[in-house]
Amino acid sequence: MPGSRPNVFEGVTDYFTELTRMRGLGIHGAPEAERTHASAWVPVTDIFARGDDLVIRVELAGVDPANVGLSFSRGVLTISGTRGRELPEDVEFLVHERYYGEFRRLITLPKAVRAEQVSSLLDRGLLEITVQGALGSAESAAQRIEVVERAQEPTAPAVQSEE
């Protein structure tokens, strides 16, 4: 939209967390294997603006609120927890799409954010985290960096050796 503010969400989502989520989608339907830190499930997340506030919504269906952790340190918001298995281990699944076990999601917030600005509410499996005033700062606006194509790059003079 012309005249709208720059997309401050570029780079907000932790790169490795997103790769883990995509990897999980790629192995969807695979037999249940032991989960490691690298193969843990990552909850689906939406990040959007509501006025000057940054809002993060995380789907945590089936996660006990006592098993959800939220922390903020050095500009990074960490959402972690565990979804327990409701069914016995010997159940034979016909379709198995839900992930169980530990999860962790890291989200880098704008530089000026302080812990006092962050609040959360878990309602019917949807965790909503609000970072008050996070988008009101000019510091949080992304700046465009020019990409130079190699063919257009000025050539450096060849180094001459002395003989």
Protein backbone atom coordinates (compact mmCIF):
# COMPACT_ATOMS: atom_id res chain seq x y z
CA MET A 1 0.00 0.00 0.00
CA PRO A 2 1.48 3.39 -0.94
CA GLY A 3 2.14 5.67 2.01
CA SER A 4 2.12 2.85 4.56
CA ARG A 5 4.94 2.46 7.05
CA PRO A 6 7.89 0.17 6.26
CA ASN A 7 7.60 -3.52 7.10
CA VAL A 8 9.15 -3.73 10.56
CA PHE A 9 8.58 -7.48 10.66
CA GLU A 10 11.42 -8.23 8.25
CA GLY A 11 13.94 -10.24 10.22
CA VAL A 12 11.74 -10.42 13.32
CA THR A 13 11.26 -14.17 13.22
CA ASP A 14 14.23 -16.22 14.25
CA TYR A 15 15.74 -17.75 11.10
CA PHE A 16 16.58 -21.14 12.59
CA THR A 17 13.18 -21.51 14.22
CA GLU A 18 11.51 -20.95 10.87
CA LEU A 19 13.80 -23.51 9.21
CA THR A 20 12.85 -26.03 11.91
CA ARG A 21 9.16 -25.37 11.28
CA MET A 22 9.57 -25.87 7.52
CA ARG A 23 11.59 -29.05 8.11
CA GLY A 24 8.74 -30.36 10.27
CA LEU A 25 6.30 -29.74 7.45
CA GLY A 26 8.59 -31.60 5.05
CA ILE A 27 8.65 -34.73 7.20
CA HIS A 28 4.93 -34.51 7.96
CA GLY A 29 3.42 -37.94 8.34
CA ALA A 30 6.75 -39.65 9.00
CA PRO A 31 6.80 -42.31 11.72
CA GLU A 32 7.23 -40.88 15.20
CA ALA A 33 10.93 -40.66 15.98
CA GLU A 34 12.67 -39.47 19.09
CA ARG A 35 12.50 -35.67 19.14
CA THR A 36 15.69 -33.75 19.59
CA HIS A 37 16.26 -30.04 20.03
CA ALA A 38 16.69 -29.77 16.24
CA SER A 39 13.50 -31.67 15.41
CA ALA A 40 11.20 -30.27 18.10
CA TRP A 41 7.88 -28.88 16.91
CA VAL A 42 7.44 -25.16 16.50
CA PRO A 43 3.98 -23.66 17.08
CA VAL A 44 2.37 -21.69 14.26
CA THR A 45 2.82 -17.95 14.87
CA ASP A 46 1.34 -14.74 13.47
CA ILE A 47 3.00 -11.35 14.03
CA PHE A 48 1.14 -8.16 13.20
CA ALA A 49 0.70 -4.49 14.11
CA ARG A 50 -2.16 -3.09 16.14
CA GLY A 51 -1.55 0.66 16.12
CA ASP A 52 1.95 1.15 17.58
CA ASP A 53 1.81 -2.23 19.36
CA LEU A 54 3.45 -5.40 18.08
CA VAL A 55 1.16 -8.41 18.54
CA ILE A 56 2.38 -12.01 18.45
CA ARG A 57 -0.17 -14.84 18.38
CA VAL A 58 0.99 -18.40 18.96
CA GLU A 59 -1.22 -21.50 18.57
CA LEU A 60 -0.76 -23.68 21.65
CA ALA A 61 -3.77 -26.00 21.44
CA GLY A 62 -3.47 -28.81 23.97
CA VAL A 63 -0.64 -27.17 25.92
CA ASP A 64 -1.23 -26.87 29.68
CA PRO A 65 -0.76 -23.20 30.70
CA ALA A 66 1.53 -24.40 33.50
CA ASN A 67 3.85 -25.77 30.79
CA VAL A 68 4.25 -22.47 28.91
CA GLY A 69 7.27 -20.26 29.54
CA LEU A 70 7.80 -16.69 28.34
CA SER A 71 11.07 -14.80 28.85
CA PHE A 72 12.76 -11.69 27.48
CA SER A 73 16.51 -11.13 27.44
CA ARG A 74 18.84 -8.99 25.30
CA GLY A 75 16.08 -8.08 22.85
CA VAL A 76 14.92 -11.67 22.27
CA LEU A 77 11.52 -12.97 23.33
CA THR A 78 11.55 -16.72 24.02
CA ILE A 79 8.33 -18.74 24.04
CA SER A 80 8.82 -22.30 25.24
CA GLY A 81 6.91 -25.19 26.71
CA THR A 82 5.73 -28.74 26.39
CA ARG A 83 2.64 -30.36 24.90
CA GLY A 84 2.00 -33.71 26.57
CA ARG A 85 0.58 -36.71 24.82
CA GLU A 86 -3.04 -37.38 25.85
CA LEU A 87 -3.15 -40.92 24.43
CA PRO A 88 -1.27 -44.02 25.57
CA GLU A 89 1.94 -44.92 23.72
CA ASP A 90 0.46 -48.16 22.30
CA VAL A 91 -2.26 -46.40 20.26
CA GLU A 92 -2.02 -47.17 16.54
CA PHE A 93 -2.58 -43.93 14.62
CA LEU A 94 -4.37 -43.94 11.28
CA VAL A 95 -3.41 -40.27 10.76
CA HIS A 96 -0.83 -38.56 12.97
CA GLU A 97 -0.34 -34.83 12.30
CA ARG A 98 0.00 -33.24 15.76
CA TYR A 99 3.39 -32.79 17.37
CA TYR A 100 4.08 -33.48 21.03
CA GLY A 101 6.95 -32.70 23.33
CA GLU A 102 9.01 -29.58 23.86
CA PHE A 103 8.94 -26.47 21.71
CA ARG A 104 10.80 -23.18 21.63
CA ARG A 105 10.25 -20.08 19.53
CA LEU A 106 12.66 -17.13 19.51
CA ILE A 107 11.55 -13.72 18.25
CA THR A 108 13.90 -10.75 18.00
CA LEU A 109 12.14 -7.54 19.05
CA PRO A 110 13.05 -3.95 18.13
CA LYS A 111 16.08 -2.58 20.04
CA ALA A 112 14.22 -0.09 22.24
CA VAL A 113 11.80 -2.67 23.74
CA ARG A 114 11.93 -3.23 27.51
CA ALA A 115 10.46 -6.16 29.45
CA GLU A 116 7.83 -3.88 31.03
CA GLN A 117 6.25 -3.38 27.58
CA VAL A 118 5.54 -7.10 27.13
CA SER A 119 2.28 -8.68 28.33
CA SER A 120 0.55 -11.94 27.46
CA LEU A 121 -2.81 -13.70 27.65
CA LEU A 122 -3.52 -17.39 26.96
CA ASP A 123 -7.13 -17.99 25.91
CA ARG A 124 -8.43 -21.33 24.57
CA GLY A 125 -5.07 -22.43 23.21
CA LEU A 126 -4.13 -19.09 21.63
CA LEU A 127 -1.31 -17.17 23.32
CA GLU A 128 -1.41 -13.47 22.51
CA ILE A 129 1.66 -11.44 23.41
CA THR A 130 1.45 -7.66 23.12
CA VAL A 131 4.56 -5.48 23.00
CA GLN A 132 3.19 -2.02 23.78
CA GLY A 133 4.60 0.84 21.69
CA ALA A 134 7.20 -1.36 19.96
CA LEU A 135 6.41 0.10 16.54
CA GLY A 136 6.23 3.75 17.57
CA SER A 137 10.00 4.17 17.65
CA ALA A 138 11.81 5.46 14.55
CA GLU A 139 14.69 3.14 15.54
CA SER A 140 12.59 0.08 14.66
CA ALA A 141 12.09 1.08 11.02
CA ALA A 142 14.02 -1.12 8.62
CA GLN A 143 16.40 0.57 6.21
CA ARG A 144 16.87 -0.66 2.67
CA ILE A 145 20.37 -1.70 1.65
CA GLU A 146 21.25 -1.68 -2.04
CA VAL A 147 22.16 -5.01 -3.61
CA VAL A 148 24.92 -4.66 -6.17
CA GLU A 149 25.09 -7.21 -8.97
CA ARG A 150 28.58 -8.62 -9.54
CA ALA A 151 28.52 -7.75 -13.27
CA GLN A 152 28.04 -4.08 -12.36
CA GLU A 153 30.67 -4.03 -9.63
CA PRO A 154 33.72 -1.90 -10.49
CA THR A 155 36.69 -4.08 -11.30
CA ALA A 156 39.78 -3.75 -9.17
CA PRO A 157 43.09 -3.21 -10.93
CA ALA A 158 45.17 -6.36 -11.27
CA VAL A 159 48.07 -6.62 -8.85
CA GLN A 160 51.40 -6.35 -10.64
CA SER A 161 54.30 -8.28 -9.18
CA GLU A 162 57.75 -6.73 -9.24
CA GLU A 163 60.48 -8.73 -10.94
